[in-house]
ModelCIF file with pLDDT and N, C-alpha, C, O atoms, coordinates in Angstrom:
data_MODEL
#
_entry.id   MODEL 
#
_entity.id                         1 
_entity.type                       polymer 
_entity.pdbx_number_of_molecules   1 
#
_entity_poly.entity_id                      1 
_entity_poly.type                           'polypeptide(L)' 
_entity_poly.nstd_linkage                   no 
_entity_poly.nstd_monomer                   no 
_entity_poly.pdbx_seq_one_letter_code       
;(UNK)(UNK)(UNK)(UNK)(UNK)(UNK)(UNK)(UNK)(UNK)(UNK)(UNK)(UNK)(UNK)(UNK)(UNK)(UNK)
(UNK)(UNK)(UNK)(UNK)(UNK)(UNK)(UNK)(UNK)(UNK)(UNK)(UNK)(UNK)(UNK)(UNK)(UNK)(UNK)
(UNK)(UNK)(UNK)(UNK)(UNK)
;
_entity_poly.pdbx_seq_one_letter_code_can   XXXXXXXXXXXXXXXXXXXXXXXXXXXXXXXXXXXXX 
_entity_poly.pdbx_strand_id                 A 
#
loop_
_entity_poly_seq.entity_id 
_entity_poly_seq.num 
_entity_poly_seq.mon_id 
_entity_poly_seq.hetero 
1 1  UNK n 
1 2  UNK n 
1 3  UNK n 
1 4  UNK n 
1 5  UNK n 
1 6  UNK n 
1 7  UNK n 
1 8  UNK n 
1 9  UNK n 
1 10 UNK n 
1 11 UNK n 
1 12 UNK n 
1 13 UNK n 
1 14 UNK n 
1 15 UNK n 
1 16 UNK n 
1 17 UNK n 
1 18 UNK n 
1 19 UNK n 
1 20 UNK n 
1 21 UNK n 
1 22 UNK n 
1 23 UNK n 
1 24 UNK n 
1 25 UNK n 
1 26 UNK n 
1 27 UNK n 
1 28 UNK n 
1 29 UNK n 
1 30 UNK n 
1 31 UNK n 
1 32 UNK n 
1 33 UNK n 
1 34 UNK n 
1 35 UNK n 
1 36 UNK n 
1 37 UNK n 
#
_struct_asym.id          A 
_struct_asym.entity_id   1 
#
loop_
_ma_qa_metric.id 
_ma_qa_metric.mode 
_ma_qa_metric.name 
_ma_qa_metric.software_group_id 
_ma_qa_metric.type 
1 global pLDDT . pLDDT 
2 local  pLDDT . pLDDT 
#
_ma_qa_metric_global.metric_id      1 
_ma_qa_metric_global.metric_value   97.62 
_ma_qa_metric_global.model_id       1 
_ma_qa_metric_global.ordinal_id     1 
#
loop_
_ma_qa_metric_local.label_asym_id 
_ma_qa_metric_local.label_comp_id 
_ma_qa_metric_local.label_seq_id 
_ma_qa_metric_local.metric_id 
_ma_qa_metric_local.metric_value 
_ma_qa_metric_local.model_id 
_ma_qa_metric_local.ordinal_id 
A UNK 1  2 96.00 1 1  
A UNK 2  2 97.00 1 2  
A UNK 3  2 97.00 1 3  
A UNK 4  2 98.00 1 4  
A UNK 5  2 98.00 1 5  
A UNK 6  2 98.00 1 6  
A UNK 7  2 97.00 1 7  
A UNK 8  2 97.00 1 8  
A UNK 9  2 98.00 1 9  
A UNK 10 2 98.00 1 10 
A UNK 11 2 98.00 1 11 
A UNK 12 2 98.00 1 12 
A UNK 13 2 98.00 1 13 
A UNK 14 2 98.00 1 14 
A UNK 15 2 97.00 1 15 
A UNK 16 2 97.00 1 16 
A UNK 17 2 97.00 1 17 
A UNK 18 2 98.00 1 18 
A UNK 19 2 98.00 1 19 
A UNK 20 2 98.00 1 20 
A UNK 21 2 97.00 1 21 
A UNK 22 2 97.00 1 22 
A UNK 23 2 98.00 1 23 
A UNK 24 2 98.00 1 24 
A UNK 25 2 97.00 1 25 
A UNK 26 2 98.00 1 26 
A UNK 27 2 98.00 1 27 
A UNK 28 2 98.00 1 28 
A UNK 29 2 98.00 1 29 
A UNK 30 2 98.00 1 30 
A UNK 31 2 98.00 1 31 
A UNK 32 2 98.00 1 32 
A UNK 33 2 98.00 1 33 
A UNK 34 2 98.00 1 34 
A UNK 35 2 98.00 1 35 
A UNK 36 2 98.00 1 36 
A UNK 37 2 96.00 1 37 
#
loop_
_atom_site.group_PDB 
_atom_site.id 
_atom_site.type_symbol 
_atom_site.label_atom_id 
_atom_site.label_alt_id 
_atom_site.label_comp_id 
_atom_site.label_asym_id 
_atom_site.label_entity_id 
_atom_site.label_seq_id 
_atom_site.pdbx_PDB_ins_code 
_atom_site.Cartn_x 
_atom_site.Cartn_y 
_atom_site.Cartn_z 
_atom_site.occupancy 
_atom_site.B_iso_or_equiv 
_atom_site.pdbx_formal_charge 
_atom_site.auth_seq_id 
_atom_site.auth_comp_id 
_atom_site.auth_asym_id 
_atom_site.auth_atom_id 
_atom_site.pdbx_PDB_model_num 
ATOM 1   N N  . UNK A 1 1  ? 107.220 92.223  85.128  1.00 96.00 ? 1  UNK A N  1 
ATOM 2   C CA . UNK A 1 1  ? 108.634 92.608  85.038  1.00 96.00 ? 1  UNK A CA 1 
ATOM 3   C C  . UNK A 1 1  ? 108.839 94.059  85.467  1.00 96.00 ? 1  UNK A C  1 
ATOM 4   O O  . UNK A 1 1  ? 108.008 94.926  85.196  1.00 96.00 ? 1  UNK A O  1 
ATOM 5   N N  . UNK A 1 2  ? 109.951 94.302  86.136  1.00 97.00 ? 2  UNK A N  1 
ATOM 6   C CA . UNK A 1 2  ? 110.432 95.654  86.383  1.00 97.00 ? 2  UNK A CA 1 
ATOM 7   C C  . UNK A 1 2  ? 111.252 96.056  85.165  1.00 97.00 ? 2  UNK A C  1 
ATOM 8   O O  . UNK A 1 2  ? 112.280 95.442  84.883  1.00 97.00 ? 2  UNK A O  1 
ATOM 9   N N  . UNK A 1 3  ? 110.815 97.071  84.448  1.00 97.00 ? 3  UNK A N  1 
ATOM 10  C CA . UNK A 1 3  ? 111.442 97.436  83.177  1.00 97.00 ? 3  UNK A CA 1 
ATOM 11  C C  . UNK A 1 3  ? 112.647 98.339  83.388  1.00 97.00 ? 3  UNK A C  1 
ATOM 12  O O  . UNK A 1 3  ? 113.716 98.094  82.830  1.00 97.00 ? 3  UNK A O  1 
ATOM 13  N N  . UNK A 1 4  ? 112.475 99.393  84.199  1.00 98.00 ? 4  UNK A N  1 
ATOM 14  C CA . UNK A 1 4  ? 113.560 100.347 84.421  1.00 98.00 ? 4  UNK A CA 1 
ATOM 15  C C  . UNK A 1 4  ? 113.324 101.082 85.734  1.00 98.00 ? 4  UNK A C  1 
ATOM 16  O O  . UNK A 1 4  ? 112.189 101.413 86.075  1.00 98.00 ? 4  UNK A O  1 
ATOM 17  N N  . UNK A 1 5  ? 114.403 101.331 86.465  1.00 98.00 ? 5  UNK A N  1 
ATOM 18  C CA . UNK A 1 5  ? 114.330 102.086 87.706  1.00 98.00 ? 5  UNK A CA 1 
ATOM 19  C C  . UNK A 1 5  ? 115.416 103.154 87.687  1.00 98.00 ? 5  UNK A C  1 
ATOM 20  O O  . UNK A 1 5  ? 116.601 102.845 87.812  1.00 98.00 ? 5  UNK A O  1 
ATOM 21  N N  . UNK A 1 6  ? 115.007 104.415 87.529  1.00 98.00 ? 6  UNK A N  1 
ATOM 22  C CA . UNK A 1 6  ? 115.914 105.548 87.557  1.00 98.00 ? 6  UNK A CA 1 
ATOM 23  C C  . UNK A 1 6  ? 116.093 105.955 89.015  1.00 98.00 ? 6  UNK A C  1 
ATOM 24  O O  . UNK A 1 6  ? 115.274 106.694 89.561  1.00 98.00 ? 6  UNK A O  1 
ATOM 25  N N  . UNK A 1 7  ? 117.151 105.479 89.640  1.00 97.00 ? 7  UNK A N  1 
ATOM 26  C CA . UNK A 1 7  ? 117.370 105.708 91.068  1.00 97.00 ? 7  UNK A CA 1 
ATOM 27  C C  . UNK A 1 7  ? 117.698 107.161 91.382  1.00 97.00 ? 7  UNK A C  1 
ATOM 28  O O  . UNK A 1 7  ? 117.505 107.610 92.512  1.00 97.00 ? 7  UNK A O  1 
ATOM 29  N N  . UNK A 1 8  ? 118.187 107.891 90.401  1.00 97.00 ? 8  UNK A N  1 
ATOM 30  C CA . UNK A 1 8  ? 118.556 109.291 90.636  1.00 97.00 ? 8  UNK A CA 1 
ATOM 31  C C  . UNK A 1 8  ? 117.319 110.183 90.678  1.00 97.00 ? 8  UNK A C  1 
ATOM 32  O O  . UNK A 1 8  ? 117.218 111.064 91.532  1.00 97.00 ? 8  UNK A O  1 
ATOM 33  N N  . UNK A 1 9  ? 116.390 109.961 89.772  1.00 98.00 ? 9  UNK A N  1 
ATOM 34  C CA . UNK A 1 9  ? 115.216 110.826 89.657  1.00 98.00 ? 9  UNK A CA 1 
ATOM 35  C C  . UNK A 1 9  ? 113.940 110.214 90.244  1.00 98.00 ? 9  UNK A C  1 
ATOM 36  O O  . UNK A 1 9  ? 112.899 110.870 90.278  1.00 98.00 ? 9  UNK A O  1 
ATOM 37  N N  . UNK A 1 10 ? 114.016 108.971 90.701  1.00 98.00 ? 10 UNK A N  1 
ATOM 38  C CA . UNK A 1 10 ? 112.847 108.352 91.302  1.00 98.00 ? 10 UNK A CA 1 
ATOM 39  C C  . UNK A 1 10 ? 111.741 108.040 90.332  1.00 98.00 ? 10 UNK A C  1 
ATOM 40  O O  . UNK A 1 10 ? 110.566 108.257 90.630  1.00 98.00 ? 10 UNK A O  1 
ATOM 41  N N  . UNK A 1 11 ? 112.106 107.529 89.162  1.00 98.00 ? 11 UNK A N  1 
ATOM 42  C CA . UNK A 1 11 ? 111.120 107.111 88.164  1.00 98.00 ? 11 UNK A CA 1 
ATOM 43  C C  . UNK A 1 11 ? 111.212 105.602 87.989  1.00 98.00 ? 11 UNK A C  1 
ATOM 44  O O  . UNK A 1 11 ? 112.306 105.055 87.853  1.00 98.00 ? 11 UNK A O  1 
ATOM 45  N N  . UNK A 1 12 ? 110.081 104.938 87.990  1.00 98.00 ? 12 UNK A N  1 
ATOM 46  C CA . UNK A 1 12 ? 110.056 103.484 87.862  1.00 98.00 ? 12 UNK A CA 1 
ATOM 47  C C  . UNK A 1 12 ? 109.091 103.087 86.755  1.00 98.00 ? 12 UNK A C  1 
ATOM 48  O O  . UNK A 1 12 ? 107.950 103.547 86.718  1.00 98.00 ? 12 UNK A O  1 
ATOM 49  N N  . UNK A 1 13 ? 109.560 102.225 85.852  1.00 98.00 ? 13 UNK A N  1 
ATOM 50  C CA . UNK A 1 13 ? 108.715 101.676 84.791  1.00 98.00 ? 13 UNK A CA 1 
ATOM 51  C C  . UNK A 1 13 ? 108.589 100.174 85.001  1.00 98.00 ? 13 UNK A C  1 
ATOM 52  O O  . UNK A 1 13 ? 109.581 99.479  85.220  1.00 98.00 ? 13 UNK A O  1 
ATOM 53  N N  . UNK A 1 14 ? 107.355 99.682  84.932  1.00 98.00 ? 14 UNK A N  1 
ATOM 54  C CA . UNK A 1 14 ? 107.117 98.257  85.175  1.00 98.00 ? 14 UNK A CA 1 
ATOM 55  C C  . UNK A 1 14 ? 105.885 97.809  84.434  1.00 98.00 ? 14 UNK A C  1 
ATOM 56  O O  . UNK A 1 14 ? 105.048 98.615  84.027  1.00 98.00 ? 14 UNK A O  1 
ATOM 57  N N  . UNK A 1 15 ? 105.787 96.488  84.264  1.00 97.00 ? 15 UNK A N  1 
ATOM 58  C CA . UNK A 1 15 ? 104.582 95.926  83.664  1.00 97.00 ? 15 UNK A CA 1 
ATOM 59  C C  . UNK A 1 15 ? 103.424 95.976  84.660  1.00 97.00 ? 15 UNK A C  1 
ATOM 60  O O  . UNK A 1 15 ? 103.627 96.068  85.870  1.00 97.00 ? 15 UNK A O  1 
ATOM 61  N N  . UNK A 1 16 ? 102.228 95.914  84.130  1.00 97.00 ? 16 UNK A N  1 
ATOM 62  C CA . UNK A 1 16 ? 101.034 96.188  84.938  1.00 97.00 ? 16 UNK A CA 1 
ATOM 63  C C  . UNK A 1 16 ? 100.741 95.121  85.978  1.00 97.00 ? 16 UNK A C  1 
ATOM 64  O O  . UNK A 1 16 ? 100.041 95.401  86.951  1.00 97.00 ? 16 UNK A O  1 
ATOM 65  N N  . UNK A 1 17 ? 101.249 93.909  85.808  1.00 97.00 ? 17 UNK A N  1 
ATOM 66  C CA . UNK A 1 17 ? 100.945 92.836  86.745  1.00 97.00 ? 17 UNK A CA 1 
ATOM 67  C C  . UNK A 1 17 ? 101.854 92.779  87.952  1.00 97.00 ? 17 UNK A C  1 
ATOM 68  O O  . UNK A 1 17 ? 101.656 91.933  88.824  1.00 97.00 ? 17 UNK A O  1 
ATOM 69  N N  . UNK A 1 18 ? 102.850 93.655  88.032  1.00 98.00 ? 18 UNK A N  1 
ATOM 70  C CA . UNK A 1 18 ? 103.737 93.653  89.188  1.00 98.00 ? 18 UNK A CA 1 
ATOM 71  C C  . UNK A 1 18 ? 102.975 94.162  90.414  1.00 98.00 ? 18 UNK A C  1 
ATOM 72  O O  . UNK A 1 18 ? 102.142 95.060  90.297  1.00 98.00 ? 18 UNK A O  1 
ATOM 73  N N  . UNK A 1 19 ? 103.254 93.599  91.571  1.00 98.00 ? 19 UNK A N  1 
ATOM 74  C CA . UNK A 1 19 ? 102.554 94.017  92.787  1.00 98.00 ? 19 UNK A CA 1 
ATOM 75  C C  . UNK A 1 19 ? 103.308 95.139  93.484  1.00 98.00 ? 19 UNK A C  1 
ATOM 76  O O  . UNK A 1 19 ? 104.502 95.335  93.259  1.00 98.00 ? 19 UNK A O  1 
ATOM 77  N N  . UNK A 1 20 ? 102.600 95.866  94.327  1.00 98.00 ? 20 UNK A N  1 
ATOM 78  C CA . UNK A 1 20 ? 103.245 96.895  95.126  1.00 98.00 ? 20 UNK A CA 1 
ATOM 79  C C  . UNK A 1 20 ? 104.311 96.303  96.036  1.00 98.00 ? 20 UNK A C  1 
ATOM 80  O O  . UNK A 1 20 ? 105.351 96.925  96.253  1.00 98.00 ? 20 UNK A O  1 
ATOM 81  N N  . UNK A 1 21 ? 104.069 95.110  96.572  1.00 97.00 ? 21 UNK A N  1 
ATOM 82  C CA . UNK A 1 21 ? 105.058 94.489  97.456  1.00 97.00 ? 21 UNK A CA 1 
ATOM 83  C C  . UNK A 1 21 ? 106.366 94.227  96.719  1.00 97.00 ? 21 UNK A C  1 
ATOM 84  O O  . UNK A 1 21 ? 107.443 94.407  97.286  1.00 97.00 ? 21 UNK A O  1 
ATOM 85  N N  . UNK A 1 22 ? 106.279 93.801  95.449  1.00 97.00 ? 22 UNK A N  1 
ATOM 86  C CA . UNK A 1 22 ? 107.488 93.558  94.656  1.00 97.00 ? 22 UNK A CA 1 
ATOM 87  C C  . UNK A 1 22 ? 108.207 94.866  94.351  1.00 97.00 ? 22 UNK A C  1 
ATOM 88  O O  . UNK A 1 22 ? 109.437 94.916  94.360  1.00 97.00 ? 22 UNK A O  1 
ATOM 89  N N  . UNK A 1 23 ? 107.456 95.914  94.085  1.00 98.00 ? 23 UNK A N  1 
ATOM 90  C CA . UNK A 1 23 ? 108.069 97.218  93.835  1.00 98.00 ? 23 UNK A CA 1 
ATOM 91  C C  . UNK A 1 23 ? 108.792 97.727  95.086  1.00 98.00 ? 23 UNK A C  1 
ATOM 92  O O  . UNK A 1 23 ? 109.921 98.209  95.002  1.00 98.00 ? 23 UNK A O  1 
ATOM 93  N N  . UNK A 1 24 ? 108.145 97.619  96.228  1.00 98.00 ? 24 UNK A N  1 
ATOM 94  C CA . UNK A 1 24 ? 108.730 98.113  97.474  1.00 98.00 ? 24 UNK A CA 1 
ATOM 95  C C  . UNK A 1 24 ? 110.046 97.406  97.805  1.00 98.00 ? 24 UNK A C  1 
ATOM 96  O O  . UNK A 1 24 ? 110.981 98.029  98.308  1.00 98.00 ? 24 UNK A O  1 
ATOM 97  N N  . UNK A 1 25 ? 110.111 96.121  97.523  1.00 97.00 ? 25 UNK A N  1 
ATOM 98  C CA . UNK A 1 25 ? 111.330 95.371  97.826  1.00 97.00 ? 25 UNK A CA 1 
ATOM 99  C C  . UNK A 1 25 ? 112.530 95.920  97.056  1.00 97.00 ? 25 UNK A C  1 
ATOM 100 O O  . UNK A 1 25 ? 113.673 95.782  97.493  1.00 97.00 ? 25 UNK A O  1 
ATOM 101 N N  . UNK A 1 26 ? 112.262 96.540  95.910  1.00 98.00 ? 26 UNK A N  1 
ATOM 102 C CA . UNK A 1 26 ? 113.338 97.091  95.088  1.00 98.00 ? 26 UNK A CA 1 
ATOM 103 C C  . UNK A 1 26 ? 113.647 98.535  95.451  1.00 98.00 ? 26 UNK A C  1 
ATOM 104 O O  . UNK A 1 26 ? 114.815 98.915  95.531  1.00 98.00 ? 26 UNK A O  1 
ATOM 105 N N  . UNK A 1 27 ? 112.617 99.345  95.671  1.00 98.00 ? 27 UNK A N  1 
ATOM 106 C CA . UNK A 1 27 ? 112.836 100.785 95.777  1.00 98.00 ? 27 UNK A CA 1 
ATOM 107 C C  . UNK A 1 27 ? 113.189 101.260 97.185  1.00 98.00 ? 27 UNK A C  1 
ATOM 108 O O  . UNK A 1 27 ? 113.929 102.234 97.327  1.00 98.00 ? 27 UNK A O  1 
ATOM 109 N N  . UNK A 1 28 ? 112.683 100.605 98.224  1.00 98.00 ? 28 UNK A N  1 
ATOM 110 C CA . UNK A 1 28 ? 112.930 101.081 99.591  1.00 98.00 ? 28 UNK A CA 1 
ATOM 111 C C  . UNK A 1 28 ? 114.425 101.085 99.927  1.00 98.00 ? 28 UNK A C  1 
ATOM 112 O O  . UNK A 1 28 ? 114.901 102.077 100.478 1.00 98.00 ? 28 UNK A O  1 
ATOM 113 N N  . UNK A 1 29 ? 115.187 100.033 99.627  1.00 98.00 ? 29 UNK A N  1 
ATOM 114 C CA . UNK A 1 29 ? 116.633 100.075 99.948  1.00 98.00 ? 29 UNK A CA 1 
ATOM 115 C C  . UNK A 1 29 ? 117.385 101.179 99.206  1.00 98.00 ? 29 UNK A C  1 
ATOM 116 O O  . UNK A 1 29 ? 118.493 101.547 99.596  1.00 98.00 ? 29 UNK A O  1 
ATOM 117 N N  . UNK A 1 30 ? 116.790 101.702 98.147  1.00 98.00 ? 30 UNK A N  1 
ATOM 118 C CA . UNK A 1 30 ? 117.426 102.778 97.390  1.00 98.00 ? 30 UNK A CA 1 
ATOM 119 C C  . UNK A 1 30 ? 116.943 104.162 97.828  1.00 98.00 ? 30 UNK A C  1 
ATOM 120 O O  . UNK A 1 30 ? 117.337 105.175 97.249  1.00 98.00 ? 30 UNK A O  1 
ATOM 121 N N  . UNK A 1 31 ? 116.087 104.200 98.852  1.00 98.00 ? 31 UNK A N  1 
ATOM 122 C CA . UNK A 1 31 ? 115.644 105.488 99.378  1.00 98.00 ? 31 UNK A CA 1 
ATOM 123 C C  . UNK A 1 31 ? 114.432 106.079 98.698  1.00 98.00 ? 31 UNK A C  1 
ATOM 124 O O  . UNK A 1 31 ? 114.280 107.298 98.627  1.00 98.00 ? 31 UNK A O  1 
ATOM 125 N N  . UNK A 1 32 ? 113.557 105.201 98.193  1.00 98.00 ? 32 UNK A N  1 
ATOM 126 C CA . UNK A 1 32 ? 112.339 105.671 97.538  1.00 98.00 ? 32 UNK A CA 1 
ATOM 127 C C  . UNK A 1 32 ? 111.138 104.898 98.060  1.00 98.00 ? 32 UNK A C  1 
ATOM 128 O O  . UNK A 1 32 ? 111.276 103.796 98.591  1.00 98.00 ? 32 UNK A O  1 
ATOM 129 N N  . UNK A 1 33 ? 109.950 105.493 97.902  1.00 98.00 ? 33 UNK A N  1 
ATOM 130 C CA . UNK A 1 33 ? 108.723 104.858 98.369  1.00 98.00 ? 33 UNK A CA 1 
ATOM 131 C C  . UNK A 1 33 ? 107.604 105.148 97.380  1.00 98.00 ? 33 UNK A C  1 
ATOM 132 O O  . UNK A 1 33 ? 107.686 106.084 96.585  1.00 98.00 ? 33 UNK A O  1 
ATOM 133 N N  . UNK A 1 34 ? 106.564 104.333 97.442  1.00 98.00 ? 34 UNK A N  1 
ATOM 134 C CA . UNK A 1 34 ? 105.390 104.565 96.594  1.00 98.00 ? 34 UNK A CA 1 
ATOM 135 C C  . UNK A 1 34 ? 104.741 105.887 96.968  1.00 98.00 ? 34 UNK A C  1 
ATOM 136 O O  . UNK A 1 34 ? 104.630 106.201 98.153  1.00 98.00 ? 34 UNK A O  1 
ATOM 137 N N  . UNK A 1 35 ? 104.309 106.669 95.985  1.00 98.00 ? 35 UNK A N  1 
ATOM 138 C CA . UNK A 1 35 ? 103.741 107.983 96.292  1.00 98.00 ? 35 UNK A CA 1 
ATOM 139 C C  . UNK A 1 35 ? 102.398 107.905 96.993  1.00 98.00 ? 35 UNK A C  1 
ATOM 140 O O  . UNK A 1 35 ? 102.055 108.785 97.783  1.00 98.00 ? 35 UNK A O  1 
ATOM 141 N N  . UNK A 1 36 ? 101.643 106.869 96.712  1.00 98.00 ? 36 UNK A N  1 
ATOM 142 C CA . UNK A 1 36 ? 100.329 106.639 97.320  1.00 98.00 ? 36 UNK A CA 1 
ATOM 143 C C  . UNK A 1 36 ? 100.166 105.141 97.486  1.00 98.00 ? 36 UNK A C  1 
ATOM 144 O O  . UNK A 1 36 ? 100.483 104.374 96.576  1.00 98.00 ? 36 UNK A O  1 
ATOM 145 N N  . UNK A 1 37 ? 99.677  104.722 98.634  1.00 96.00 ? 37 UNK A N  1 
ATOM 146 C CA . UNK A 1 37 ? 99.497  103.296 98.866  1.00 96.00 ? 37 UNK A CA 1 
ATOM 147 C C  . UNK A 1 37 ? 98.211  103.046 99.637  1.00 96.00 ? 37 UNK A C  1 
ATOM 148 O O  . UNK A 1 37 ? 97.882  101.897 99.931  1.00 96.00 ? 37 UNK A O  1 
#
C-alpha cells in the first residue's frame, strides 16, 4: 500500500512490499522521482 504522499515536500510513505515501478507511476506525474534507482 501507498500510505501517504506529500506532493509539496516530496515525502512518500509506503509499505515495504510496494515496487519501485508502482511508486514511479504515482510520483512522476506529480514532478518527483526516486532519489536512487
